N, C-alpha and C. Protein backbone atom coordinates (compact mmCIF):
# COMPACT_ATOMS: atom_id res chain seq x y z
N MET A 1 -13.09 22.37 24.02
CA MET A 1 -12.16 21.45 23.42
C MET A 1 -11.00 22.26 22.82
N ASN A 2 -9.77 21.81 23.09
CA ASN A 2 -8.63 22.54 22.55
C ASN A 2 -8.25 21.98 21.17
N ARG A 3 -7.27 22.64 20.53
CA ARG A 3 -6.88 22.26 19.16
C ARG A 3 -6.30 20.85 19.08
N LEU A 4 -5.56 20.44 20.11
CA LEU A 4 -5.00 19.10 20.12
C LEU A 4 -6.11 18.05 20.16
N ASP A 5 -7.10 18.28 21.02
CA ASP A 5 -8.23 17.35 21.10
C ASP A 5 -8.95 17.27 19.76
N GLU A 6 -9.14 18.39 19.11
CA GLU A 6 -9.81 18.41 17.81
C GLU A 6 -8.99 17.64 16.77
N ALA A 7 -7.68 17.81 16.79
CA ALA A 7 -6.82 17.10 15.84
C ALA A 7 -6.87 15.60 16.06
N ILE A 8 -6.91 15.18 17.32
CA ILE A 8 -6.99 13.75 17.62
C ILE A 8 -8.31 13.18 17.14
N ILE A 9 -9.38 13.90 17.38
CA ILE A 9 -10.70 13.44 16.93
C ILE A 9 -10.74 13.39 15.41
N ASP A 10 -10.23 14.44 14.74
CA ASP A 10 -10.20 14.44 13.27
C ASP A 10 -9.43 13.25 12.74
N ARG A 11 -8.29 12.95 13.33
CA ARG A 11 -7.47 11.82 12.85
C ARG A 11 -8.18 10.50 13.11
N ALA A 12 -8.80 10.38 14.28
CA ALA A 12 -9.52 9.15 14.60
C ALA A 12 -10.63 8.90 13.61
N GLU A 13 -11.22 9.96 13.09
CA GLU A 13 -12.30 9.83 12.12
C GLU A 13 -11.77 9.80 10.69
N GLY A 14 -10.46 9.93 10.52
CA GLY A 14 -9.87 9.86 9.20
C GLY A 14 -10.00 11.12 8.39
N CYS A 15 -10.31 12.22 9.03
CA CYS A 15 -10.58 13.45 8.29
C CYS A 15 -9.34 14.06 7.63
N MET A 16 -8.17 13.73 8.11
CA MET A 16 -6.98 14.36 7.56
C MET A 16 -6.73 13.95 6.11
N LEU A 17 -7.06 12.73 5.75
CA LEU A 17 -6.84 12.25 4.40
C LEU A 17 -8.12 11.79 3.73
N GLY A 18 -9.24 12.01 4.36
CA GLY A 18 -10.50 11.57 3.80
C GLY A 18 -10.72 10.07 3.97
N GLN A 19 -9.98 9.45 4.88
CA GLN A 19 -10.15 8.03 5.13
C GLN A 19 -11.27 7.78 6.12
N LEU A 20 -11.79 6.58 6.07
CA LEU A 20 -12.73 6.15 7.08
C LEU A 20 -11.94 5.68 8.30
N ALA A 21 -12.53 5.79 9.47
CA ALA A 21 -11.86 5.29 10.66
C ALA A 21 -11.59 3.81 10.49
N GLY A 22 -10.34 3.39 10.72
CA GLY A 22 -9.97 1.99 10.60
C GLY A 22 -9.59 1.54 9.20
N GLN A 23 -9.72 2.44 8.23
CA GLN A 23 -9.37 2.07 6.85
C GLN A 23 -7.87 1.85 6.75
N PRO A 24 -7.45 0.76 6.11
CA PRO A 24 -6.01 0.52 5.99
C PRO A 24 -5.33 1.59 5.15
N THR A 25 -4.10 1.87 5.47
CA THR A 25 -3.32 2.81 4.68
C THR A 25 -2.65 2.06 3.54
N ASN A 26 -2.02 2.79 2.64
CA ASN A 26 -1.31 2.13 1.55
C ASN A 26 -0.19 1.24 2.09
N ASP A 27 0.47 1.67 3.17
CA ASP A 27 1.53 0.86 3.76
C ASP A 27 1.00 -0.47 4.29
N SER A 28 -0.14 -0.41 4.99
CA SER A 28 -0.69 -1.66 5.54
C SER A 28 -1.23 -2.55 4.42
N GLU A 29 -1.78 -1.97 3.37
CA GLU A 29 -2.23 -2.78 2.24
C GLU A 29 -1.06 -3.50 1.58
N MET A 30 0.07 -2.81 1.43
CA MET A 30 1.24 -3.43 0.82
C MET A 30 1.81 -4.52 1.73
N ALA A 31 1.79 -4.31 3.02
CA ALA A 31 2.26 -5.34 3.96
C ALA A 31 1.38 -6.58 3.87
N LEU A 32 0.08 -6.39 3.74
CA LEU A 32 -0.83 -7.53 3.59
C LEU A 32 -0.58 -8.28 2.28
N LEU A 33 -0.31 -7.54 1.22
CA LEU A 33 0.00 -8.18 -0.06
C LEU A 33 1.29 -8.98 0.03
N PHE A 34 2.28 -8.44 0.72
CA PHE A 34 3.53 -9.16 0.91
C PHE A 34 3.27 -10.46 1.68
N ALA A 35 2.49 -10.37 2.74
CA ALA A 35 2.16 -11.55 3.54
C ALA A 35 1.40 -12.57 2.69
N ARG A 36 0.48 -12.10 1.86
CA ARG A 36 -0.27 -13.02 1.00
C ARG A 36 0.66 -13.76 0.04
N SER A 37 1.67 -13.06 -0.47
CA SER A 37 2.61 -13.71 -1.38
C SER A 37 3.42 -14.78 -0.64
N LEU A 38 3.77 -14.53 0.62
CA LEU A 38 4.49 -15.53 1.41
C LEU A 38 3.63 -16.78 1.63
N VAL A 39 2.35 -16.56 1.88
CA VAL A 39 1.44 -17.70 2.08
C VAL A 39 1.29 -18.49 0.79
N LYS A 40 1.16 -17.79 -0.34
CA LYS A 40 0.99 -18.47 -1.63
C LYS A 40 2.18 -19.37 -1.95
N ARG A 41 3.38 -18.88 -1.72
CA ARG A 41 4.59 -19.60 -2.13
C ARG A 41 5.28 -20.35 -0.99
N GLY A 42 4.95 -19.99 0.24
CA GLY A 42 5.61 -20.62 1.38
C GLY A 42 7.01 -20.10 1.63
N LYS A 43 7.40 -19.10 0.87
CA LYS A 43 8.72 -18.48 1.00
C LYS A 43 8.69 -17.15 0.24
N TYR A 44 9.76 -16.38 0.41
CA TYR A 44 9.86 -15.13 -0.35
C TYR A 44 10.14 -15.46 -1.81
N ASP A 45 9.32 -14.89 -2.69
CA ASP A 45 9.48 -15.08 -4.12
C ASP A 45 9.24 -13.72 -4.79
N ALA A 46 10.33 -13.08 -5.22
CA ALA A 46 10.25 -11.72 -5.75
C ALA A 46 9.21 -11.55 -6.86
N PRO A 47 9.14 -12.44 -7.85
CA PRO A 47 8.13 -12.25 -8.90
C PRO A 47 6.69 -12.27 -8.37
N THR A 48 6.44 -13.10 -7.36
CA THR A 48 5.09 -13.15 -6.79
C THR A 48 4.78 -11.86 -6.04
N VAL A 49 5.74 -11.36 -5.28
CA VAL A 49 5.55 -10.09 -4.56
C VAL A 49 5.28 -8.98 -5.57
N ARG A 50 6.08 -8.94 -6.60
CA ARG A 50 5.93 -7.92 -7.63
C ARG A 50 4.55 -8.00 -8.28
N GLN A 51 4.10 -9.22 -8.56
CA GLN A 51 2.77 -9.42 -9.15
C GLN A 51 1.67 -8.89 -8.22
N GLU A 52 1.80 -9.18 -6.93
CA GLU A 52 0.82 -8.68 -5.95
C GLU A 52 0.81 -7.15 -5.92
N TYR A 53 1.99 -6.55 -5.88
CA TYR A 53 2.08 -5.09 -5.84
C TYR A 53 1.53 -4.48 -7.12
N GLN A 54 1.83 -5.09 -8.26
CA GLN A 54 1.32 -4.54 -9.52
C GLN A 54 -0.19 -4.62 -9.57
N TRP A 55 -0.76 -5.72 -9.08
CA TRP A 55 -2.22 -5.85 -9.02
C TRP A 55 -2.80 -4.71 -8.18
N TRP A 56 -2.16 -4.44 -7.05
CA TRP A 56 -2.64 -3.39 -6.15
C TRP A 56 -2.57 -2.03 -6.82
N VAL A 57 -1.45 -1.72 -7.47
CA VAL A 57 -1.29 -0.43 -8.16
C VAL A 57 -2.36 -0.29 -9.24
N ASP A 58 -2.59 -1.34 -10.00
CA ASP A 58 -3.58 -1.31 -11.08
C ASP A 58 -5.00 -1.16 -10.57
N SER A 59 -5.23 -1.49 -9.29
CA SER A 59 -6.58 -1.39 -8.72
C SER A 59 -6.96 0.06 -8.36
N GLY A 60 -6.00 0.98 -8.47
CA GLY A 60 -6.28 2.38 -8.14
C GLY A 60 -6.47 2.61 -6.66
N PRO A 61 -5.50 2.23 -5.84
CA PRO A 61 -5.64 2.31 -4.39
C PRO A 61 -5.73 3.74 -3.87
N PHE A 62 -6.34 3.86 -2.71
CA PHE A 62 -6.45 5.15 -2.03
C PHE A 62 -5.09 5.52 -1.44
N GLY A 63 -4.68 6.74 -1.63
CA GLY A 63 -3.53 7.28 -0.92
C GLY A 63 -2.17 6.78 -1.38
N MET A 64 -2.06 6.37 -2.64
CA MET A 64 -0.75 5.94 -3.11
C MET A 64 0.14 7.17 -3.27
N GLY A 65 1.25 7.19 -2.55
CA GLY A 65 2.14 8.33 -2.59
C GLY A 65 3.05 8.32 -3.80
N ASN A 66 3.83 9.38 -3.93
CA ASN A 66 4.72 9.53 -5.08
C ASN A 66 5.78 8.43 -5.14
N ALA A 67 6.32 8.03 -4.00
CA ALA A 67 7.37 7.00 -4.00
C ALA A 67 6.83 5.69 -4.54
N ILE A 68 5.64 5.31 -4.12
CA ILE A 68 5.05 4.06 -4.59
C ILE A 68 4.67 4.19 -6.07
N TYR A 69 4.17 5.35 -6.46
CA TYR A 69 3.84 5.56 -7.86
C TYR A 69 5.09 5.42 -8.74
N CYS A 70 6.21 6.01 -8.30
CA CYS A 70 7.46 5.89 -9.05
C CYS A 70 7.93 4.44 -9.12
N LEU A 71 7.79 3.72 -8.01
CA LEU A 71 8.15 2.30 -8.01
C LEU A 71 7.29 1.53 -9.02
N ALA A 72 6.01 1.83 -9.05
CA ALA A 72 5.12 1.14 -9.99
C ALA A 72 5.53 1.43 -11.43
N GLN A 73 5.89 2.66 -11.72
CA GLN A 73 6.34 3.01 -13.07
C GLN A 73 7.63 2.27 -13.42
N PHE A 74 8.52 2.13 -12.44
CA PHE A 74 9.76 1.41 -12.65
C PHE A 74 9.47 -0.07 -12.94
N MET A 75 8.54 -0.65 -12.18
CA MET A 75 8.21 -2.06 -12.38
C MET A 75 7.66 -2.31 -13.78
N VAL A 76 6.87 -1.39 -14.28
CA VAL A 76 6.33 -1.54 -15.62
C VAL A 76 7.44 -1.43 -16.66
N ALA A 77 8.33 -0.48 -16.47
CA ALA A 77 9.40 -0.23 -17.44
C ALA A 77 10.50 -1.29 -17.41
N HIS A 78 10.63 -1.97 -16.27
CA HIS A 78 11.71 -2.95 -16.10
C HIS A 78 11.15 -4.26 -15.58
N PRO A 79 10.63 -5.09 -16.46
CA PRO A 79 10.07 -6.38 -16.01
C PRO A 79 11.11 -7.20 -15.26
N PHE A 80 10.63 -7.98 -14.29
CA PHE A 80 11.53 -8.79 -13.47
C PHE A 80 12.14 -9.90 -14.30
N ARG A 81 13.44 -10.06 -14.17
CA ARG A 81 14.15 -11.16 -14.84
C ARG A 81 15.01 -11.87 -13.81
N LYS A 82 14.91 -13.17 -13.78
CA LYS A 82 15.80 -13.95 -12.90
C LYS A 82 17.16 -14.02 -13.56
N HIS A 83 18.20 -13.92 -12.76
CA HIS A 83 19.58 -13.99 -13.29
C HIS A 83 20.09 -15.41 -13.23
C-alpha cells in the first residue's frame, strides 16, 4: 500500500481529526442548524439562526475552529438588535 492509499484510508476512518467515519463536521452541523431555523420560522429569521448557532456553540461541539469561536464570542458581546 502506498502513502496515498494510506491517507485515503485514514481519512475515510476519520483518523486525521479523530472523527468517526461519517461524523458530521462543524460546517455540516451549522448548515443543519440553519436549515432547522428555516423550518421553524418558514423563512430566514436572523435571531432564530443566531439562537440555533449559540445553542450549538454552548454544546461544546467537536472541531469548532478559530473563526467560529471568534464569531461566537462576537455574538455574546453584541446581542442581536432589530433596527
